[in-house]
Structure formats: structure tokens, C-alpha cells
C-alpha atoms as a PDB file:
ATOM      1  CA  UNK A   1      67.629 214.365  -8.118  1.00  0.00           C
ATOM      2  CA  UNK A   2      66.598 217.759  -9.438  1.00  0.00           C
ATOM      3  CA  UNK A   3      64.371 218.106 -12.457  1.00  0.00           C
ATOM      4  CA  UNK A   4      67.169 219.467 -14.647  1.00  0.00           C
ATOM      5  CA  UNK A   5      69.478 216.668 -13.595  1.00  0.00           C
ATOM      6  CA  UNK A   6      66.841 214.127 -14.486  1.00  0.00           C
ATOM      7  CA  UNK A   7      66.482 215.659 -17.931  1.00  0.00           C
ATOM      8  CA  UNK A   8      70.222 215.532 -18.532  1.00  0.00           C
ATOM      9  CA  UNK A   9      70.375 211.937 -17.355  1.00  0.00           C
ATOM     10  CA  UNK A  10      67.503 211.030 -19.660  1.00  0.00           C
ATOM     11  CA  UNK A  11      69.263 212.558 -22.656  1.00  0.00           C
ATOM     12  CA  UNK A  12      72.436 210.619 -21.921  1.00  0.00           C
ATOM     13  CA  UNK A  13      70.537 207.394 -21.337  1.00  0.00           C
ATOM     14  CA  UNK A  14      68.976 207.518 -24.797  1.00  0.00           C
ATOM     15  CA  UNK A  15      72.397 207.169 -26.349  1.00  0.00           C
ATOM     16  CA  UNK A  16      72.406 203.447 -25.623  1.00  0.00           C
ATOM     17  CA  UNK A  17      68.926 202.652 -26.878  1.00  0.00           C
ATOM     18  CA  UNK A  18      70.160 200.227 -29.514  1.00  0.00           C
ATOM     19  CA  UNK A  19      69.396 196.738 -30.850  1.00  0.00           C
ATOM     20  CA  UNK A  20      72.193 195.159 -28.799  1.00  0.00           C
ATOM     21  CA  UNK A  21      70.230 195.769 -25.599  1.00  0.00           C
ATOM     22  CA  UNK A  22      66.998 193.808 -25.269  1.00  0.00           C
ATOM     23  CA  UNK A  23      64.008 195.926 -24.226  1.00  0.00           C
ATOM     24  CA  UNK A  24      61.983 194.842 -21.216  1.00  0.00           C
ATOM     25  CA  UNK A  25      58.930 194.383 -23.444  1.00  0.00           C
ATOM     26  CA  UNK A  26      60.874 191.959 -25.665  1.00  0.00           C
ATOM     27  CA  UNK A  27      62.206 190.033 -22.672  1.00  0.00           C
ATOM     28  CA  UNK A  28      58.649 189.595 -21.418  1.00  0.00           C
ATOM     29  CA  UNK A  29      57.700 188.257 -24.845  1.00  0.00           C
ATOM     30  CA  UNK A  30      60.299 185.485 -24.781  1.00  0.00           C
ATOM     31  CA  UNK A  31      59.998 182.090 -23.144  1.00  0.00           C
ATOM     32  CA  UNK A  32      63.315 182.223 -21.293  1.00  0.00           C
ATOM     33  CA  UNK A  33      65.746 179.327 -21.502  1.00  0.00           C
ATOM     34  CA  UNK A  34      68.352 178.957 -24.210  1.00  0.00           C
ATOM     35  CA  UNK A  35      66.180 180.590 -26.893  1.00  0.00           C
ATOM     36  CA  UNK A  36      65.127 183.599 -24.843  1.00  0.00           C
ATOM     37  CA  UNK A  37      66.686 186.229 -22.633  1.00  0.00           C
ATOM     38  CA  UNK A  38      67.849 184.625 -19.363  1.00  0.00           C
ATOM     39  CA  UNK A  39      66.331 187.492 -17.381  1.00  0.00           C
ATOM     40  CA  UNK A  40      62.939 186.019 -18.240  1.00  0.00           C
ATOM     41  CA  UNK A  41      63.721 183.025 -16.017  1.00  0.00           C
ATOM     42  CA  UNK A  42      64.457 185.341 -13.077  1.00  0.00           C
ATOM     43  CA  UNK A  43      61.271 187.317 -13.727  1.00  0.00           C
ATOM     44  CA  UNK A  44      59.084 184.204 -13.863  1.00  0.00           C
ATOM     45  CA  UNK A  45      60.615 182.843 -10.677  1.00  0.00           C
ATOM     46  CA  UNK A  46      60.282 186.159  -8.834  1.00  0.00           C
ATOM     47  CA  UNK A  47      56.731 186.919  -9.982  1.00  0.00           C
ATOM     48  CA  UNK A  48      55.118 183.478 -10.264  1.00  0.00           C
ATOM     49  CA  UNK A  49      51.474 184.552 -10.115  1.00  0.00           C
ATOM     50  CA  UNK A  50      50.061 187.983 -10.889  1.00  0.00           C
ATOM     51  CA  UNK A  51      46.310 188.638 -10.850  1.00  0.00           C
ATOM     52  CA  UNK A  52      44.950 191.021 -13.461  1.00  0.00           C
ATOM     53  CA  UNK A  53      44.082 194.553 -12.412  1.00  0.00           C
ATOM     54  CA  UNK A  54      41.110 196.543 -13.736  1.00  0.00           C
ATOM     55  CA  UNK A  55      41.076 200.331 -13.877  1.00  0.00           C
ATOM     56  CA  UNK A  56      37.678 201.776 -14.739  1.00  0.00           C
ATOM     57  CA  UNK A  57      36.849 205.404 -15.450  1.00  0.00           C
ATOM     58  CA  UNK A  58      33.610 207.358 -15.619  1.00  0.00           C
ATOM     59  CA  UNK A  59      33.630 207.238 -19.434  1.00  0.00           C
ATOM     60  CA  UNK A  60      34.970 205.164 -22.300  1.00  0.00           C
ATOM     61  CA  UNK A  61      36.014 205.923 -25.879  1.00  0.00           C
ATOM     62  CA  UNK A  62      36.244 202.778 -27.984  1.00  0.00           C
ATOM     63  CA  UNK A  63      39.257 202.446 -30.243  1.00  0.00           C
ATOM     64  CA  UNK A  64      39.471 201.039 -33.802  1.00  0.00           C
ATOM     65  CA  UNK A  65      39.336 197.308 -34.475  1.00  0.00           C
ATOM     66  CA  UNK A  66      42.484 197.370 -36.628  1.00  0.00           C
ATOM     67  CA  UNK A  67      45.494 196.665 -34.419  1.00  0.00           C
ATOM     68  CA  UNK A  68      47.814 198.620 -36.731  1.00  0.00           C
ATOM     69  CA  UNK A  69      45.627 201.729 -36.656  1.00  0.00           C
ATOM     70  CA  UNK A  70      45.116 201.398 -32.892  1.00  0.00           C
ATOM     71  CA  UNK A  71      48.872 201.125 -32.297  1.00  0.00           C
ATOM     72  CA  UNK A  72      49.588 204.185 -34.441  1.00  0.00           C
ATOM     73  CA  UNK A  73      46.924 206.204 -32.624  1.00  0.00           C
ATOM     74  CA  UNK A  74      48.344 205.079 -29.278  1.00  0.00           C
ATOM     75  CA  UNK A  75      51.898 206.131 -30.134  1.00  0.00           C
ATOM     76  CA  UNK A  76      50.727 209.485 -31.499  1.00  0.00           C
ATOM     77  CA  UNK A  77      48.642 210.220 -28.402  1.00  0.00           C
ATOM     78  CA  UNK A  78      51.593 209.304 -26.163  1.00  0.00           C
ATOM     79  CA  UNK A  79      53.483 212.182 -27.781  1.00  0.00           C
ATOM     80  CA  UNK A  80      50.594 214.625 -27.450  1.00  0.00           C
ATOM     81  CA  UNK A  81      49.960 213.790 -23.792  1.00  0.00           C
ATOM     82  CA  UNK A  82      53.634 214.451 -23.029  1.00  0.00           C
ATOM     83  CA  UNK A  83      53.384 217.738 -24.941  1.00  0.00           C
ATOM     84  CA  UNK A  84      50.282 218.636 -22.919  1.00  0.00           C
ATOM     85  CA  UNK A  85      52.045 217.864 -19.621  1.00  0.00           C
ATOM     86  CA  UNK A  86      55.177 219.818 -20.556  1.00  0.00           C
ATOM     87  CA  UNK A  87      54.204 222.388 -23.224  1.00  0.00           C
ATOM     88  CA  UNK A  88      57.366 224.445 -22.802  1.00  0.00           C
ATOM     89  CA  UNK A  89      59.803 221.542 -22.826  1.00  0.00           C
ATOM     90  CA  UNK A  90      58.385 219.057 -25.335  1.00  0.00           C
ATOM     91  CA  UNK A  91      60.055 218.637 -28.694  1.00  0.00           C
ATOM     92  CA  UNK A  92      60.007 215.778 -31.157  1.00  0.00           C
ATOM     93  CA  UNK A  93      63.793 216.086 -31.307  1.00  0.00           C
ATOM     94  CA  UNK A  94      63.963 214.306 -27.930  1.00  0.00           C
ATOM     95  CA  UNK A  95      61.808 211.362 -29.007  1.00  0.00           C
ATOM     96  CA  UNK A  96      62.948 207.946 -30.109  1.00  0.00           C
ATOM     97  CA  UNK A  97      61.361 208.474 -33.518  1.00  0.00           C
ATOM     98  CA  UNK A  98      63.591 211.474 -34.209  1.00  0.00           C
ATOM     99  CA  UNK A  99      66.857 209.968 -33.061  1.00  0.00           C
ATOM    100  CA  UNK A 100      67.152 208.253 -36.433  1.00  0.00           C
ATOM    101  CA  UNK A 101      69.026 210.271 -39.058  1.00  0.00           C
ATOM    102  CA  UNK A 102      66.320 210.538 -41.699  1.00  0.00           C
ATOM    103  CA  UNK A 103      64.955 213.484 -43.634  1.00  0.00           C
ATOM    104  CA  UNK A 104      61.495 212.871 -42.175  1.00  0.00           C
ATOM    105  CA  UNK A 105      62.796 212.856 -38.612  1.00  0.00           C
ATOM    106  CA  UNK A 106      64.861 216.006 -39.130  1.00  0.00           C
ATOM    107  CA  UNK A 107      61.920 217.965 -40.510  1.00  0.00           C
ATOM    108  CA  UNK A 108      59.541 216.602 -37.860  1.00  0.00           C
ATOM    109  CA  UNK A 109      61.843 217.648 -35.023  1.00  0.00           C
ATOM    110  CA  UNK A 110      61.175 221.321 -35.777  1.00  0.00           C
ATOM    111  CA  UNK A 111      57.368 221.089 -35.950  1.00  0.00           C
ATOM    112  CA  UNK A 112      54.814 221.804 -33.194  1.00  0.00           C
ATOM    113  CA  UNK A 113      52.910 218.921 -31.621  1.00  0.00           C
ATOM    114  CA  UNK A 114      49.477 218.288 -33.154  1.00  0.00           C
ATOM    115  CA  UNK A 115      47.503 215.321 -34.471  1.00  0.00           C
ATOM    116  CA  UNK A 116      49.207 215.332 -37.873  1.00  0.00           C
ATOM    117  CA  UNK A 117      52.798 215.625 -36.667  1.00  0.00           C
ATOM    118  CA  UNK A 118      52.145 213.093 -33.905  1.00  0.00           C
ATOM    119  CA  UNK A 119      50.714 210.603 -36.409  1.00  0.00           C
ATOM    120  CA  UNK A 120      53.902 210.827 -38.479  1.00  0.00           C
ATOM    121  CA  UNK A 121      56.055 210.530 -35.350  1.00  0.00           C
ATOM    122  CA  UNK A 122      54.081 207.467 -34.271  1.00  0.00           C
ATOM    123  CA  UNK A 123      54.691 205.751 -37.588  1.00  0.00           C
ATOM    124  CA  UNK A 124      58.401 206.582 -37.472  1.00  0.00           C
ATOM    125  CA  UNK A 125      58.625 205.265 -33.923  1.00  0.00           C
ATOM    126  CA  UNK A 126      57.110 201.965 -35.000  1.00  0.00           C
ATOM    127  CA  UNK A 127      59.846 201.637 -37.601  1.00  0.00           C
ATOM    128  CA  UNK A 128      62.589 202.779 -35.217  1.00  0.00           C
ATOM    129  CA  UNK A 129      61.589 200.316 -32.518  1.00  0.00           C
ATOM    130  CA  UNK A 130      60.799 197.206 -34.503  1.00  0.00           C
ATOM    131  CA  UNK A 131      62.110 197.720 -38.000  1.00  0.00           C
ATOM    132  CA  UNK A 132      58.578 196.905 -39.161  1.00  0.00           C
ATOM    133  CA  UNK A 133      55.687 198.867 -40.585  1.00  0.00           C
ATOM    134  CA  UNK A 134      52.776 199.460 -38.210  1.00  0.00           C
ATOM    135  CA  UNK A 135      50.601 200.425 -41.187  1.00  0.00           C
ATOM    136  CA  UNK A 136      52.009 198.315 -44.030  1.00  0.00           C
ATOM    137  CA  UNK A 137      49.649 199.537 -46.740  1.00  0.00           C
ATOM    138  CA  UNK A 138      50.872 203.151 -46.629  1.00  0.00           C
ATOM    139  CA  UNK A 139      52.626 204.048 -49.902  1.00  0.00           C
ATOM    140  CA  UNK A 140      52.378 200.422 -51.018  1.00  0.00           C
ATOM    141  CA  UNK A 141      54.605 199.229 -48.207  1.00  0.00           C
ATOM    142  CA  UNK A 142      57.465 201.660 -48.817  1.00  0.00           C
ATOM    143  CA  UNK A 143      58.043 204.257 -46.109  1.00  0.00           C
ATOM    144  CA  UNK A 144      58.745 207.584 -47.855  1.00  0.00           C
ATOM    145  CA  UNK A 145      61.716 209.620 -46.707  1.00  0.00           C
ATOM    146  CA  UNK A 146      59.995 212.984 -46.216  1.00  0.00           C
ATOM    147  CA  UNK A 147      57.573 214.089 -43.534  1.00  0.00           C
ATOM    148  CA  UNK A 148      55.183 215.507 -46.140  1.00  0.00           C
ATOM    149  CA  UNK A 149      54.906 212.245 -48.080  1.00  0.00           C
ATOM    150  CA  UNK A 150      54.353 210.187 -44.927  1.00  0.00           C
ATOM    151  CA  UNK A 151      51.541 212.552 -43.938  1.00  0.00           C
ATOM    152  CA  UNK A 152      50.077 212.297 -47.438  1.00  0.00           C
ATOM    153  CA  UNK A 153      50.139 208.513 -47.138  1.00  0.00           C
ATOM    154  CA  UNK A 154      48.423 208.543 -43.747  1.00  0.00           C
ATOM    155  CA  UNK A 155      45.641 210.766 -45.045  1.00  0.00           C
ATOM    156  CA  UNK A 156      45.102 208.844 -48.270  1.00  0.00           C
ATOM    157  CA  UNK A 157      45.663 205.215 -47.358  1.00  0.00           C
ATOM    158  CA  UNK A 158      42.451 203.166 -46.900  1.00  0.00           C
ATOM    159  CA  UNK A 159      43.786 201.573 -43.711  1.00  0.00           C
ATOM    160  CA  UNK A 160      45.456 204.665 -42.277  1.00  0.00           C
ATOM    161  CA  UNK A 161      42.956 207.421 -43.045  1.00  0.00           C
ATOM    162  CA  UNK A 162      41.329 207.063 -39.613  1.00  0.00           C
ATOM    163  CA  UNK A 163      44.560 207.589 -37.675  1.00  0.00           C
ATOM    164  CA  UNK A 164      44.514 211.400 -37.488  1.00  0.00           C
ATOM    165  CA  UNK A 165      40.751 211.653 -36.674  1.00  0.00           C
ATOM    166  CA  UNK A 166      41.279 208.917 -34.087  1.00  0.00           C
ATOM    167  CA  UNK A 167      44.118 210.876 -32.480  1.00  0.00           C
ATOM    168  CA  UNK A 168      42.001 214.029 -32.348  1.00  0.00           C
ATOM    169  CA  UNK A 169      39.021 212.196 -30.829  1.00  0.00           C
ATOM    170  CA  UNK A 170      41.106 210.510 -28.135  1.00  0.00           C
ATOM    171  CA  UNK A 171      42.822 213.766 -27.155  1.00  0.00           C
ATOM    172  CA  UNK A 172      39.418 215.469 -26.863  1.00  0.00           C
ATOM    173  CA  UNK A 173      38.229 212.621 -24.620  1.00  0.00           C
ATOM    174  CA  UNK A 174      41.348 212.894 -22.437  1.00  0.00           C
ATOM    175  CA  UNK A 175      40.787 216.633 -22.077  1.00  0.00           C
ATOM    176  CA  UNK A 176      37.130 216.121 -21.068  1.00  0.00           C
ATOM    177  CA  UNK A 177      38.064 213.464 -18.521  1.00  0.00           C
ATOM    178  CA  UNK A 178      40.523 215.843 -16.801  1.00  0.00           C
ATOM    179  CA  UNK A 179      42.600 212.818 -15.871  1.00  0.00           C
ATOM    180  CA  UNK A 180      45.778 214.919 -16.005  1.00  0.00           C
ATOM    181  CA  UNK A 181      44.341 218.027 -14.351  1.00  0.00           C
ATOM    182  CA  UNK A 182      46.972 219.686 -12.189  1.00  0.00           C
ATOM    183  CA  UNK A 183      49.698 217.303 -13.323  1.00  0.00           C
ATOM    184  CA  UNK A 184      53.064 218.204 -14.826  1.00  0.00           C
ATOM    185  CA  UNK A 185      55.820 216.051 -16.253  1.00  0.00           C
ATOM    186  CA  UNK A 186      59.263 215.692 -14.707  1.00  0.00           C
ATOM    187  CA  UNK A 187      60.647 213.338 -17.376  1.00  0.00           C
ATOM    188  CA  UNK A 188      59.222 212.418 -20.760  1.00  0.00           C
ATOM    189  CA  UNK A 189      60.034 208.953 -22.115  1.00  0.00           C
ATOM    190  CA  UNK A 190      62.279 207.981 -19.147  1.00  0.00           C
ATOM    191  CA  UNK A 191      64.976 205.477 -20.047  1.00  0.00           C
ATOM    192  CA  UNK A 192      66.493 202.955 -17.665  1.00  0.00           C
ATOM    193  CA  UNK A 193      69.141 200.750 -19.153  1.00  0.00           C
ATOM    194  CA  UNK A 194      72.206 198.824 -18.119  1.00  0.00           C
ATOM    195  CA  UNK A 195      74.453 198.078 -21.115  1.00  0.00           C
ATOM    196  CA  UNK A 196      76.659 195.812 -19.025  1.00  0.00           C
ATOM    197  CA  UNK A 197      73.852 193.270 -18.640  1.00  0.00           C
ATOM    198  CA  UNK A 198      72.130 193.887 -21.967  1.00  0.00           C
ATOM    199  CA  UNK A 199      68.784 195.133 -20.636  1.00  0.00           C
ATOM    200  CA  UNK A 200      66.959 198.378 -21.270  1.00  0.00           C
ATOM    201  CA  UNK A 201      63.533 199.851 -20.678  1.00  0.00           C
ATOM    202  CA  UNK A 202      61.845 203.083 -21.671  1.00  0.00           C
ATOM    203  CA  UNK A 203      58.562 204.296 -20.254  1.00  0.00           C
ATOM    204  CA  UNK A 204      56.103 207.036 -21.057  1.00  0.00           C
ATOM    205  CA  UNK A 205      56.464 209.657 -18.324  1.00  0.00           C
ATOM    206  CA  UNK A 206      57.468 210.436 -14.763  1.00  0.00           C
ATOM    207  CA  UNK A 207      54.935 212.932 -13.433  1.00  0.00           C
ATOM    208  CA  UNK A 208      55.360 215.445 -10.641  1.00  0.00           C
ATOM    209  CA  UNK A 209      55.833 213.749  -7.292  1.00  0.00           C
ATOM    210  CA  UNK A 210      57.934 210.963  -8.799  1.00  0.00           C
ATOM    211  CA  UNK A 211      55.070 208.948 -10.351  1.00  0.00           C
ATOM    212  CA  UNK A 212      56.216 206.596 -13.128  1.00  0.00           C
ATOM    213  CA  UNK A 213      53.140 206.308 -15.358  1.00  0.00           C
ATOM    214  CA  UNK A 214      52.685 204.096 -18.395  1.00  0.00           C
ATOM    215  CA  UNK A 215      50.086 205.294 -20.908  1.00  0.00           C
ATOM    216  CA  UNK A 216      47.673 202.630 -22.208  1.00  0.00           C
ATOM    217  CA  UNK A 217      45.337 203.441 -25.119  1.00  0.00           C
ATOM    218  CA  UNK A 218      43.601 200.048 -24.994  1.00  0.00           C
ATOM    219  CA  UNK A 219      39.904 199.200 -25.035  1.00  0.00           C
ATOM    220  CA  UNK A 220      40.003 196.747 -22.165  1.00  0.00           C
ATOM    221  CA  UNK A 221      40.213 198.103 -18.610  1.00  0.00           C
ATOM    222  CA  UNK A 222      42.095 194.949 -17.588  1.00  0.00           C
ATOM    223  CA  UNK A 223      45.875 194.892 -17.264  1.00  0.00           C
ATOM    224  CA  UNK A 224      47.457 191.466 -17.461  1.00  0.00           C
ATOM    225  CA  UNK A 225      50.737 189.916 -16.400  1.00  0.00           C
ATOM    226  CA  UNK A 226      52.918 191.341 -19.181  1.00  0.00           C
ATOM    227  CA  UNK A 227      51.633 194.897 -18.760  1.00  0.00           C
ATOM    228  CA  UNK A 228      52.022 194.818 -14.982  1.00  0.00           C
ATOM    229  CA  UNK A 229      55.515 193.314 -15.189  1.00  0.00           C
ATOM    230  CA  UNK A 230      56.568 195.912 -17.746  1.00  0.00           C
ATOM    231  CA  UNK A 231      56.209 198.700 -15.176  1.00  0.00           C
ATOM    232  CA  UNK A 232      57.621 196.489 -12.406  1.00  0.00           C
ATOM    233  CA  UNK A 233      60.831 195.950 -14.367  1.00  0.00           C
ATOM    234  CA  UNK A 234      61.132 199.649 -15.225  1.00  0.00           C
ATOM    235  CA  UNK A 235      61.157 200.694 -11.581  1.00  0.00           C
ATOM    236  CA  UNK A 236      63.378 197.745 -10.646  1.00  0.00           C
ATOM    237  CA  UNK A 237      65.974 198.643 -13.277  1.00  0.00           C
ATOM    238  CA  UNK A 238      65.923 202.190 -11.956  1.00  0.00           C
ATOM    239  CA  UNK A 239      66.599 200.842  -8.451  1.00  0.00           C
ATOM    240  CA  UNK A 240      69.380 198.599  -9.823  1.00  0.00           C
ATOM    241  CA  UNK A 241      71.051 201.696 -11.252  1.00  0.00           C
ATOM    242  CA  UNK A 242      70.756 203.394  -7.874  1.00  0.00           C
ATOM    243  CA  UNK A 243      72.263 200.429  -6.010  1.00  0.00           C
ATOM    244  CA  UNK A 244      75.085 200.295  -8.563  1.00  0.00           C
ATOM    245  CA  UNK A 245      75.915 203.952  -7.929  1.00  0.00           C
ATOM    246  CA  UNK A 246      74.674 205.130 -11.335  1.00  0.00           C
ATOM    247  CA  UNK A 247      72.399 208.044 -12.197  1.00  0.00           C
ATOM    248  CA  UNK A 248      68.755 207.262 -11.634  1.00  0.00           C
ATOM    249  CA  UNK A 249      65.332 208.837 -11.324  1.00  0.00           C
ATOM    250  CA  UNK A 250      63.393 209.636  -8.178  1.00  0.00           C
ATOM    251  CA  UNK A 251      60.388 207.300  -8.310  1.00  0.00           C
ATOM    252  CA  UNK A 252      57.943 207.057  -5.402  1.00  0.00           C
ATOM    253  CA  UNK A 253      54.897 205.601  -7.131  1.00  0.00           C
ATOM    254  CA  UNK A 254      54.151 203.742 -10.352  1.00  0.00           C
ATOM    255  CA  UNK A 255      51.102 202.763 -12.350  1.00  0.00           C
ATOM    256  CA  UNK A 256      49.037 203.436 -15.428  1.00  0.00           C
ATOM    257  CA  UNK A 257      46.986 206.064 -17.241  1.00  0.00           C
ATOM    258  CA  UNK A 258      44.117 204.302 -19.048  1.00  0.00           C
ATOM    259  CA  UNK A 259      43.627 206.866 -21.789  1.00  0.00           C
ATOM    260  CA  UNK A 260      40.433 205.422 -23.297  1.00  0.00           C
ATOM    261  CA  UNK A 261      38.852 205.160 -19.853  1.00  0.00           C
ATOM    262  CA  UNK A 262      39.815 208.626 -18.611  1.00  0.00           C
ATOM    263  CA  UNK A 263      41.316 207.220 -15.436  1.00  0.00           C
ATOM    264  CA  UNK A 264      44.734 206.639 -13.927  1.00  0.00           C
ATOM    265  CA  UNK A 265      45.930 204.711 -10.912  1.00  0.00           C
ATOM    266  CA  UNK A 266      49.297 204.489  -9.189  1.00  0.00           C
ATOM    267  CA  UNK A 267      50.644 202.623  -6.166  1.00  0.00           C
ATOM    268  CA  UNK A 268      53.651 203.180  -3.891  1.00  0.00           C
ATOM    269  CA  UNK A 269      56.441 201.221  -5.593  1.00  0.00           C
ATOM    270  CA  UNK A 270      56.936 198.899  -2.617  1.00  0.00           C
ATOM    271  CA  UNK A 271      53.234 197.996  -2.570  1.00  0.00           C
ATOM    272  CA  UNK A 272      53.150 197.591  -6.344  1.00  0.00           C
ATOM    273  CA  UNK A 273      55.995 195.064  -6.389  1.00  0.00           C
ATOM    274  CA  UNK A 274      55.212 193.201  -3.191  1.00  0.00           C
ATOM    275  CA  UNK A 275      51.416 193.034  -3.432  1.00  0.00           C
ATOM    276  CA  UNK A 276      50.080 193.973  -6.866  1.00  0.00           C
ATOM    277  CA  UNK A 277      52.761 191.913  -8.649  1.00  0.00           C
ATOM    278  CA  UNK A 278      52.931 189.337  -5.877  1.00  0.00           C
ATOM    279  CA  UNK A 279      56.690 189.322  -5.221  1.00  0.00           C
ATOM    280  CA  UNK A 280      56.143 189.372  -1.450  1.00  0.00           C
ATOM    281  CA  UNK A 281      59.111 191.704  -0.871  1.00  0.00           C
ATOM    282  CA  UNK A 282      60.068 195.262  -1.626  1.00  0.00           C
ATOM    283  CA  UNK A 283      62.012 197.029  -4.361  1.00  0.00           C
ATOM    284  CA  UNK A 284      65.378 197.319  -2.647  1.00  0.00           C
ATOM    285  CA  UNK A 285      65.558 193.601  -1.884  1.00  0.00           C
ATOM    286  CA  UNK A 286      64.362 192.611  -5.354  1.00  0.00           C
ATOM    287  CA  UNK A 287      66.884 194.883  -7.089  1.00  0.00           C
ATOM    288  CA  UNK A 288      69.716 193.452  -4.977  1.00  0.00           C
ATOM    289  CA  UNK A 289      68.608 189.916  -5.891  1.00  0.00           C
ATOM    290  CA  UNK A 290      68.529 190.837  -9.581  1.00  0.00           C
ATOM    291  CA  UNK A 291      72.018 192.323  -9.410  1.00  0.00           C
ATOM    292  CA  UNK A 292      73.450 189.287  -7.644  1.00  0.00           C
ATOM    293  CA  UNK A 293      71.809 186.847 -10.035  1.00  0.00           C
ATOM    294  CA  UNK A 294      72.736 188.769 -13.181  1.00  0.00           C
ATOM    295  CA  UNK A 295      76.277 189.404 -12.000  1.00  0.00           C
ATOM    296  CA  UNK A 296      77.052 185.799 -11.170  1.00  0.00           C
ATOM    297  CA  UNK A 297      75.521 184.602 -14.431  1.00  0.00           C
ATOM    298  CA  UNK A 298      77.048 187.024 -16.911  1.00  0.00           C
ATOM    299  CA  UNK A 299      80.282 188.463 -15.575  1.00  0.00           C
ATOM    300  CA  UNK A 300      82.516 186.123 -17.573  1.00  0.00           C
ATOM    301  CA  UNK A 301      80.431 186.581 -20.741  1.00  0.00           C
ATOM    302  CA  UNK A 302      80.380 190.378 -20.539  1.00  0.00           C
ATOM    303  CA  UNK A 303      83.984 190.968 -19.526  1.00  0.00           C
ATOM    304  CA  UNK A 304      85.632 187.988 -21.227  1.00  0.00           C
ATOM    305  CA  UNK A 305      87.253 186.581 -18.127  1.00  0.00           C
ATOM    306  CA  UNK A 306      86.541 184.091 -15.415  1.00  0.00           C
ATOM    307  CA  UNK A 307      86.098 185.641 -12.023  1.00  0.00           C
ATOM    308  CA  UNK A 308      85.659 183.999  -8.637  1.00  0.00           C
ATOM    309  CA  UNK A 309      84.497 186.003  -5.657  1.00  0.00           C
ATOM    310  CA  UNK A 310      87.071 186.727  -3.003  1.00  0.00           C
ATOM    311  CA  UNK A 311      86.092 186.434   0.678  1.00  0.00           C
ATOM    312  CA  UNK A 312      83.778 189.310   1.577  1.00  0.00           C
ATOM    313  CA  UNK A 313      83.050 190.269  -2.060  1.00  0.00           C
ATOM    314  CA  UNK A 314      79.600 190.342  -3.627  1.00  0.00           C
ATOM    315  CA  UNK A 315      78.600 190.453  -7.254  1.00  0.00           C
ATOM    316  CA  UNK A 316      76.743 193.688  -6.578  1.00  0.00           C
ATOM    317  CA  UNK A 317      79.858 195.376  -5.253  1.00  0.00           C
ATOM    318  CA  UNK A 318      82.030 193.984  -8.025  1.00  0.00           C
ATOM    319  CA  UNK A 319      79.718 195.195 -10.778  1.00  0.00           C
ATOM    320  CA  UNK A 320      79.383 198.595  -9.099  1.00  0.00           C
ATOM    321  CA  UNK A 321      83.165 198.973  -9.152  1.00  0.00           C
ATOM    322  CA  UNK A 322      83.393 197.992 -12.815  1.00  0.00           C
ATOM    323  CA  UNK A 323      80.501 200.214 -13.967  1.00  0.00           C
ATOM    324  CA  UNK A 324      81.841 203.312 -12.255  1.00  0.00           C
ATOM    325  CA  UNK A 325      85.501 203.004 -13.369  1.00  0.00           C
END
């Protein structure tokens, strides 16, 4: 799919980023069963054992000890890395933070990307995603409505005052590491979602050559089960969309950019799923299994009717017909 087509698809996909669809990260945080998303059961069965992966770089920039400050720095730097990779195409107006109709988001959408605007966008994104404050002491726990007052709170709050300097320091480290030298961005914040089965995922970037890369601004070089499965499910959902005849991205490789370690690593998607994540089989087969399992489990719930397969029918084919009507 051409670059422009991918951008258009991404814009349309964002329209269904809503609370009714459970994000991949939330699914991975549940226990499955009756109290969790049923997809978690399929994930655990398909990926029973995943060894951790370590990605070391030549340098290291330690992040803050406060998890709230670290998360806000990470979100802000995600924006600035995307702006660096696509300086002519980046705008806050396309970000999740600015898809909420607030005065702060509207004013932010028109501003250039820098440490201060990215810090505000990161705070807004935390609210947009979780409905919670990532830095609860700002403005005594009340998120102000204007961009200027949020920025004032970030600069003056005892907990938050290190966010903007932390963003600047991490971006300087990323520049020195040259980890993105020669790279461009095909899609920023790629979204893969399937409303019909209540699952959605949004990543950080698809780089030139079809590399789905998740940015990690963490101190540890180790990536555990949840982080590895997050990317696995992103590329699988993209393949599910392809098998269902829906718009999708071209993805050849997937992996991580370890921002505080100045190093990235990607794998061919087949190798990543079969070997790194231990599924023992490739993407096409796994996506077909997911479609069949999800279709047989949820068709009656989603469409309000009982449905038995006719001879020669498959759940994959049936769902494809329904989705493309």
C-alpha cells in the first residue's frame, strides 16, 4: 500500500479509538476468563512461554525514579521522535491527545513540536487514554482547560518540574546515539482495530521499509512477556485485517527502539512470532487461527443472532463477508 494510502487509512482508523474497544495493552493486563477479555485466553494458549529479550546500546541515559514523571517524559519523547522522523508531516492535530475536543487540545494542535508542547501533549494523552492523571499533583489535581495553564503547572509543580528538562535531555541523547540516522516514518501512531470483535491496538511508528517499531523509554534493557506480546498482537491484528479483506499496513519487520539505550532492534515478523515469542508458527497461520476462534466465539454476541456454519463455510469467510458489506 502506498505511503499516502497508509496515511489515509490511519486517519480513518483513529475514528474508532474509543472506550468500547479494549486496547491490546489492557487485554494483556487482564487475567482472561469471565472477568477479563476472552482474547487473553487465546493469547496465553498461543504464546505459553516467552523468554525475555535484552537490547543493549553503546550508551545509557538513566530516567527519573518517579513513574509518573517517567511516563510523561516517555509520551512527550514519542511525539518528538515522530516529529524528527517526519518533520514535514507531523502535527499534534493527528495525535490521540488532540482528538479530544478541549481548548488545550485545539490550541496545541497548531503549535510546533518542542519539549514544552510535547510535555503538554503527553499529559493530555495520559488523560485521553486512561481518564487518569499521570502527574496528579499538577494544579492540585485539577487539569486546567488551556494549554498555557497546563504548561505553567508542569513548570511549577514540585513533581512535574523535571519533565521538560528530562524530555530535552533524552532527545539530546537520542540525537547523539544516531539510532534513527537515515530513517524516515511511513506512518505515525499506526492504528489496527477491529470493532466487530472489540479489539484495538495503536503503536508508535512504522518506519521506512515496513518496520513496525515500538518506542520504549525505560531504564531496563530487558523486554518481558507483556512488552513482546504487545508488538506481536499489533502485527497480528494487522494481518487479521488483511485476511478479512480490510485496509491494512505493509509490515515486513517489527521490534523496538530502546530510547534510553540508543539502540533499536527489529526482526522479520515471521521470525518474531514463531521464534522470539515462541508461537512455533508464522503470522498468516496465527491470524487465521485468531479469526476462526474469535468468530466462532463472538458471532452471536456481536450480531445478535445464532449462526451455524453451513457445509464449506468458515468463520473467517463469514466474518469477511459481514465486515465488507
